[in-house]
Structure formats: structure tokens, C-alpha cells
Amino acid sequence: GDDLNPIRQAMDEVRPHVVFNLMEAFHEVGTFDQNVVSHLELLRLHYTGCNPRGLILSRDKALAKQVLAYDGIPVPAFAIFPIGRVVRRPARLAFPLIVKSLTQDASIGIAQASIVEDDAKLQERVTFIHDSIGTDAIVERYVKGRELYVGIIGNERLQVFPIWEMHFTKMPDEVHRIATDRVKWNAKYQKKHGIATGEAADLPPALAERIQHMCKRVYRTLELSGYARIDLRLADHDKVYVLEANPNPHIAFGEDFAESAERAGLSYKNLLQHILNVGLRWQPERLG
């Protein structure tokens, strides 16, 4: 429930060593998780996952891209279209473009129709995000290429997991290879189009090392802690673009994060223990 009292009651009654944070939203608002984590810190409770500052920086996709670009990390060109404003495309944004919610994650609001080729379709999709998702829209240059994910765990000392990839083995040529809502969550659709994730193959060692190093830079630049997944696109000529950083990603058994951790030598049981250990070692004062 959307009530902070049980946290205080648990602190008084159970005296937990650490809180395992699995929050998706508070009052049905996803970005409110940062406020609850701040509450845990004010109560002097250890917790798993990301700190409030990292959550704030990464949840706002535009702010994250601005911070990363300032640090020289490549991101697609983008623009923000707030609710209630006229949809007017900046001249620097060339088609094709992809339209997303500014703050929602888990591919909410993303479909094949999210990729637009003209101004009429752009206005239509931005309006859809405003009306159906209820958030501002972020529009960015669509990068055609391979969909990559990199899991990271740690605070000051980071462990980077093997690079993971989403494969579209039976997808028709005319369909865009993007992680839509159906691609991520519809098992029937996944089976039909041969959609699966696994370790990225055929990456030259130097390229893989460059990608992993870039992800560590993203993690540190956005002041993340605990654990996170970095989403990227690998375009032609080995150009790599950071799409977004996802603090506190899904850690269910069999999901990408856990699978890549296992490939790195961390069993699921040991992964959960490692997440707890990292949470116990986190010191909020270091960002003060």
C-alpha cells in the first residue's frame, strides 16, 4: 500500500539490518520511489539498490542524456515535448525518430508506431504519449542497430557483467528491431517472432571492452549505486549510443540481469547475497 507507516513500524519492531527495495511505484507514480528511498536514508536504514540522487538523474531521460553528453558519452540527439505545448520539431532532429515517455520505463508506451518518419506521425505519437501515458514525451533520433544491455553491480568498486543482446530471429524485415511493450512482456509474441535475449555474440574483444568501460562511465556519471542495467544501441561501424540507464532493474530468476550475472560466475543465490552486501556497505554521506 501507499503508506510509509509500515516502514517505521518495521524499524521499531523488526530492527532490520537492511531493506530489500523492490518498489515499482508509490501512489502509482514510478518516480516517487526516489522519495521513499530518501525516507529510508533519513531513518538511517540500509537498503538495496540505487540511491535517491542516482534515481533522480536517471529517471528523467532528458536530464540523464544531458549529463552524459556533457561528459562526452554518445547519446542520440533528442528533444522534449511537454504536455500542453505545440509539437514543433527542431531542425536538428532528422527522421526517423522514436517517441517515448519521458519518465516511464519497462517499455510502457513503446510500439512499432513509436518510430515516425514525418511530422504528421510525430505529432500523432507525441499526442498519444501525452493523452494515454500522461507524461511529457521525449523524441530522439532512431538508431538502427543491435539492442544491447549491460548489467553492473557495486558502489565505488564495480563489477560489469557480460554484454547481453536482444535477438529478433524471426522478425520480418520491415519490422523495426526495438524493445516494444509486446516484445518485452507478451510471451506469445516473443515465440512467434523468435525474440530472446542472451550473451552478445561476435563482438570483437576490443569493442566489448569499450562498451563495458562506457557503461562504467555512465554508472559513475549518473552517480548510481547498488545495481543497474545500461541500455545501448550498436550501430554500423561499431558506433555505440547509450539509450538510458535503468537503476534497480528486474532481478527475477531467468531475467537478463540474473542471467548475465550467472554467466559472470554469480549464481542466483550469490547474486542476491551480493546485492544485500552492496546495500549494507552503501554510505549515503559520501554524496553529501
Protein backbone atom coordinates (compact mmCIF):
# COMPACT_ATOMS: atom_id res chain seq x y z
CA GLY A 1 0.00 0.00 0.00
CA ASP A 2 0.93 3.65 -0.38
CA ASP A 3 1.70 4.17 3.29
CA LEU A 4 5.04 4.92 4.94
CA ASN A 5 3.94 3.87 8.43
CA PRO A 6 4.76 0.15 7.95
CA ILE A 7 8.37 1.09 7.27
CA ARG A 8 8.64 2.92 10.57
CA GLN A 9 6.80 0.10 12.35
CA ALA A 10 9.18 -2.49 10.88
CA MET A 11 12.13 -0.42 12.01
CA ASP A 12 10.78 -0.34 15.56
CA GLU A 13 9.58 -3.95 15.72
CA VAL A 14 11.91 -5.94 13.47
CA ARG A 15 15.03 -3.76 13.56
CA PRO A 16 16.11 -4.97 10.08
CA HIS A 17 19.74 -4.95 9.05
CA VAL A 18 18.73 -3.96 5.51
CA VAL A 19 15.60 -3.19 3.46
CA PHE A 20 15.29 -5.12 0.18
CA ASN A 21 13.84 -2.47 -2.14
CA LEU A 22 11.51 -3.95 -4.78
CA MET A 23 9.33 -0.85 -5.23
CA GLU A 24 7.71 -0.21 -8.60
CA ALA A 25 5.77 2.92 -7.63
CA PHE A 26 4.28 4.90 -4.74
CA HIS A 27 0.79 6.36 -5.15
CA GLU A 28 1.06 4.76 -8.65
CA VAL A 29 3.84 7.21 -9.56
CA GLY A 30 7.05 5.46 -10.61
CA THR A 31 9.35 8.40 -9.90
CA PHE A 32 8.19 8.57 -6.27
CA ASP A 33 10.49 5.66 -5.45
CA GLN A 34 13.32 8.17 -5.01
CA ASN A 35 11.35 9.88 -2.23
CA VAL A 36 10.77 6.64 -0.36
CA VAL A 37 14.47 5.77 -0.61
CA SER A 38 15.24 9.23 0.80
CA HIS A 39 12.89 8.37 3.67
CA LEU A 40 14.87 5.17 4.32
CA GLU A 41 18.08 7.19 4.48
CA LEU A 42 16.53 9.67 6.94
CA LEU A 43 15.59 6.69 9.11
CA ARG A 44 19.22 5.53 8.88
CA LEU A 45 18.17 2.25 7.27
CA HIS A 46 20.41 0.33 4.90
CA TYR A 47 18.69 -0.64 1.64
CA THR A 48 19.40 -2.45 -1.61
CA GLY A 49 19.51 -0.76 -4.98
CA CYS A 50 20.14 2.80 -6.08
CA ASN A 51 20.46 5.95 -4.00
CA PRO A 52 17.99 8.89 -4.43
CA ARG A 53 20.35 11.11 -6.43
CA GLY A 54 21.07 8.36 -8.95
CA LEU A 55 17.34 7.69 -9.26
CA ILE A 56 16.60 11.36 -9.93
CA LEU A 57 19.33 11.71 -12.55
CA SER A 58 18.49 8.52 -14.43
CA ARG A 59 14.66 8.51 -14.24
CA ASP A 60 14.46 11.77 -16.21
CA LYS A 61 15.68 10.55 -19.60
CA ALA A 62 16.37 14.07 -20.87
CA LEU A 63 18.36 15.11 -17.82
CA ALA A 64 20.35 11.87 -17.98
CA LYS A 65 21.18 12.41 -21.65
CA GLN A 66 22.28 16.00 -21.00
CA VAL A 67 24.56 14.89 -18.16
CA LEU A 68 26.02 12.04 -20.22
CA ALA A 69 26.55 14.20 -23.31
CA TYR A 70 28.34 16.82 -21.21
CA ASP A 71 30.73 14.07 -20.10
CA GLY A 72 31.37 13.08 -23.72
CA ILE A 73 29.31 9.88 -23.68
CA PRO A 74 27.48 9.41 -27.03
CA VAL A 75 23.67 9.59 -26.87
CA PRO A 76 21.12 10.04 -29.69
CA ALA A 77 20.06 13.60 -30.49
CA PHE A 78 16.75 14.37 -28.72
CA ALA A 79 14.11 16.94 -27.81
CA ILE A 80 11.41 17.18 -25.14
CA PHE A 81 7.73 17.79 -25.96
CA PRO A 82 5.90 18.81 -22.76
CA ILE A 83 2.18 18.29 -22.29
CA GLY A 84 0.23 21.34 -23.43
CA ARG A 85 2.90 22.67 -25.80
CA VAL A 86 2.74 22.83 -29.60
CA VAL A 87 4.58 19.91 -31.23
CA ARG A 88 7.28 21.62 -33.29
CA ARG A 89 10.26 19.54 -34.40
CA PRO A 90 13.68 21.22 -34.12
CA ALA A 91 15.53 21.33 -37.44
CA ARG A 92 18.45 19.41 -35.94
CA LEU A 93 16.23 16.34 -35.40
CA ALA A 94 16.18 14.37 -38.65
CA PHE A 95 13.88 11.42 -39.31
CA PRO A 96 13.48 8.62 -38.45
CA LEU A 97 12.67 9.43 -34.83
CA ILE A 98 11.41 7.38 -31.91
CA VAL A 99 8.85 8.78 -29.45
CA LYS A 100 8.84 7.66 -25.80
CA SER A 101 7.52 8.68 -22.41
CA LEU A 102 9.96 10.97 -20.65
CA THR A 103 9.76 9.17 -17.31
CA GLN A 104 8.09 5.76 -17.70
CA ASP A 105 10.22 2.64 -18.02
CA ALA A 106 9.56 -1.05 -18.83
CA SER A 107 8.80 -0.04 -22.45
CA ILE A 108 5.45 1.49 -21.44
CA GLY A 109 4.05 3.34 -24.45
CA ILE A 110 6.60 1.92 -26.91
CA ALA A 111 5.29 0.18 -30.04
CA GLN A 112 6.18 -0.11 -33.71
CA ALA A 113 4.20 3.12 -34.20
CA SER A 114 6.69 4.86 -31.90
CA ILE A 115 9.10 5.16 -34.84
CA VAL A 116 7.94 8.01 -37.06
CA GLU A 117 9.05 9.19 -40.50
CA ASP A 118 7.25 12.54 -40.90
CA ASP A 119 5.90 15.47 -38.89
CA ALA A 120 2.28 14.31 -39.04
CA LYS A 121 3.15 10.95 -37.47
CA LEU A 122 5.39 12.70 -34.96
CA GLN A 123 2.52 14.88 -33.75
CA GLU A 124 0.19 11.89 -33.63
CA ARG A 125 2.57 9.83 -31.48
CA VAL A 126 3.51 12.66 -29.14
CA THR A 127 -0.19 13.28 -28.57
CA PHE A 128 -0.64 9.58 -27.82
CA ILE A 129 2.05 9.73 -25.12
CA HIS A 130 0.50 12.86 -23.61
CA ASP A 131 -3.05 11.50 -23.59
CA SER A 132 -2.55 7.78 -22.94
CA ILE A 133 0.55 7.68 -20.75
CA GLY A 134 0.04 11.05 -19.10
CA THR A 135 3.66 12.20 -19.24
CA ASP A 136 5.80 14.52 -21.32
CA ALA A 137 7.33 12.93 -24.41
CA ILE A 138 10.97 12.56 -25.36
CA VAL A 139 11.74 12.27 -29.07
CA GLU A 140 15.15 11.05 -30.15
CA ARG A 141 16.90 10.02 -33.32
CA TYR A 142 16.21 6.37 -34.03
CA VAL A 143 19.45 4.40 -34.12
CA LYS A 144 19.18 1.33 -36.28
CA GLY A 145 21.32 -1.45 -34.90
CA ARG A 146 21.70 -4.13 -32.24
CA GLU A 147 19.93 -3.83 -28.88
CA LEU A 148 22.46 -4.37 -26.07
CA TYR A 149 22.20 -4.47 -22.28
CA VAL A 150 24.97 -4.35 -19.69
CA GLY A 151 24.42 -5.17 -16.02
CA ILE A 152 26.56 -3.54 -13.34
CA ILE A 153 26.68 -4.03 -9.57
CA GLY A 154 28.57 -2.12 -6.90
CA ASN A 155 29.16 1.25 -5.29
CA GLU A 156 32.73 2.53 -5.61
CA ARG A 157 34.07 -0.79 -6.90
CA LEU A 158 32.04 -2.02 -9.86
CA GLN A 159 31.54 -5.44 -11.42
CA VAL A 160 30.41 -5.35 -15.04
CA PHE A 161 28.56 -8.40 -16.36
CA PRO A 162 28.90 -9.83 -19.89
CA ILE A 163 27.15 -7.86 -22.64
CA TRP A 164 23.63 -9.14 -23.30
CA GLU A 165 21.64 -8.76 -26.51
CA MET A 166 18.01 -8.96 -27.58
CA HIS A 167 17.69 -11.21 -30.63
CA PHE A 168 14.86 -10.98 -33.19
CA THR A 169 15.42 -14.22 -35.10
CA LYS A 170 12.03 -14.47 -36.88
CA MET A 171 11.11 -10.80 -37.12
CA PRO A 172 10.04 -9.69 -40.65
CA ASP A 173 12.50 -7.37 -42.37
CA GLU A 174 10.03 -4.47 -42.47
CA VAL A 175 9.55 -4.51 -38.67
CA HIS A 176 11.83 -2.38 -36.50
CA ARG A 177 14.06 -4.26 -34.06
CA ILE A 178 13.12 -2.40 -30.88
CA ALA A 179 12.10 -3.44 -27.38
CA THR A 180 8.40 -2.62 -27.53
CA ASP A 181 5.89 -3.39 -24.81
CA ARG A 182 4.85 -6.59 -26.65
CA VAL A 183 8.44 -7.63 -27.27
CA LYS A 184 9.22 -7.43 -23.56
CA TRP A 185 6.07 -8.81 -21.97
CA ASN A 186 3.99 -10.84 -24.47
CA ALA A 187 5.17 -14.48 -24.41
CA LYS A 188 3.07 -15.43 -27.45
CA TYR A 189 4.52 -12.57 -29.49
CA GLN A 190 8.04 -13.49 -28.37
CA LYS A 191 7.60 -17.09 -29.52
CA LYS A 192 6.08 -16.09 -32.86
CA HIS A 193 8.95 -13.75 -33.75
CA GLY A 194 11.80 -15.69 -32.13
CA ILE A 195 12.55 -12.98 -29.60
CA ALA A 196 15.04 -13.95 -26.91
CA THR A 197 17.95 -12.49 -25.01
CA GLY A 198 21.38 -13.96 -24.49
CA GLU A 199 25.05 -13.15 -24.44
CA ALA A 200 26.05 -10.91 -27.34
CA ALA A 201 27.94 -12.92 -29.93
CA ASP A 202 30.59 -11.90 -32.47
CA LEU A 203 31.72 -8.80 -30.58
CA PRO A 204 35.46 -8.23 -31.03
CA PRO A 205 37.19 -8.19 -27.61
CA ALA A 206 38.30 -4.57 -28.03
CA LEU A 207 34.72 -3.47 -28.82
CA ALA A 208 33.28 -5.42 -25.89
CA GLU A 209 35.83 -3.85 -23.57
CA ARG A 210 34.99 -0.37 -24.91
CA ILE A 211 31.27 -0.94 -24.34
CA GLN A 212 31.78 -2.19 -20.78
CA HIS A 213 34.08 0.72 -19.98
CA MET A 214 31.49 3.15 -21.36
CA CYS A 215 28.83 1.60 -19.14
CA LYS A 216 31.01 2.06 -16.07
CA ARG A 217 31.38 5.73 -17.03
CA VAL A 218 27.59 6.03 -17.34
CA TYR A 219 27.13 4.42 -13.91
CA ARG A 220 29.56 6.81 -12.26
CA THR A 221 28.47 9.92 -14.17
CA LEU A 222 24.85 9.43 -13.08
CA GLU A 223 26.02 8.67 -9.52
CA LEU A 224 24.31 5.27 -9.46
CA SER A 225 24.81 2.73 -6.70
CA GLY A 226 23.60 -0.77 -5.85
CA TYR A 227 22.95 -2.26 -9.28
CA ALA A 228 21.72 -1.11 -12.69
CA ARG A 229 21.33 -2.07 -16.35
CA ILE A 230 22.60 0.18 -19.14
CA ASP A 231 20.71 0.01 -22.47
CA LEU A 232 22.63 0.70 -25.68
CA ARG A 233 22.41 0.50 -29.45
CA LEU A 234 25.31 -0.74 -31.56
CA ALA A 235 25.09 0.89 -35.00
CA ASP A 236 27.12 0.49 -38.17
CA HIS A 237 30.87 1.00 -37.99
CA ASP A 238 30.83 -0.06 -34.32
CA LYS A 239 29.28 3.21 -33.17
CA VAL A 240 27.78 2.82 -29.70
CA TYR A 241 24.99 5.01 -28.30
CA VAL A 242 23.67 4.97 -24.73
CA LEU A 243 19.87 4.92 -24.71
CA GLU A 244 19.27 5.01 -20.97
CA ALA A 245 20.36 3.78 -17.56
CA ASN A 246 17.96 1.67 -15.51
CA PRO A 247 18.65 1.60 -11.77
CA ASN A 248 17.01 -1.24 -9.85
CA PRO A 249 16.20 -3.34 -12.95
CA HIS A 250 14.30 -6.63 -12.79
CA ILE A 251 16.32 -9.23 -10.90
CA ALA A 252 13.93 -12.17 -11.15
CA PHE A 253 15.47 -15.58 -11.82
CA GLY A 254 15.80 -16.08 -15.56
CA GLU A 255 15.70 -12.36 -16.39
CA ASP A 256 18.54 -10.65 -18.25
CA PHE A 257 20.30 -9.24 -15.20
CA ALA A 258 20.37 -12.54 -13.34
CA GLU A 259 21.32 -14.50 -16.46
CA SER A 260 24.26 -12.22 -17.27
CA ALA A 261 25.37 -12.36 -13.62
CA GLU A 262 25.36 -16.15 -13.78
CA ARG A 263 27.49 -16.01 -16.93
CA ALA A 264 29.91 -13.90 -14.89
CA GLY A 265 30.07 -16.65 -12.26
CA LEU A 266 27.42 -15.41 -9.80
CA SER A 267 24.72 -17.97 -9.07
CA TYR A 268 21.27 -16.54 -8.36
CA LYS A 269 21.64 -17.12 -4.63
CA ASN A 270 25.05 -15.43 -4.63
CA LEU A 271 23.73 -12.55 -6.74
CA LEU A 272 21.01 -11.79 -4.17
CA GLN A 273 23.56 -12.01 -1.36
CA HIS A 274 25.89 -9.68 -3.27
CA ILE A 275 23.04 -7.17 -3.72
CA LEU A 276 22.44 -7.30 0.05
CA ASN A 277 26.15 -6.85 0.80
CA VAL A 278 26.41 -3.85 -1.53
CA GLY A 279 23.35 -2.30 0.16
CA LEU A 280 24.85 -2.83 3.60
CA ARG A 281 28.09 -1.15 2.52
CA TRP A 282 26.44 1.91 0.93
CA GLN A 283 27.12 5.15 2.81
CA PRO A 284 24.71 7.98 1.86
CA GLU A 285 27.01 10.57 3.41
CA ARG A 286 29.59 10.07 0.66
CA LEU A 287 27.37 12.13 -1.70
CA GLY A 288 26.98 14.92 0.82
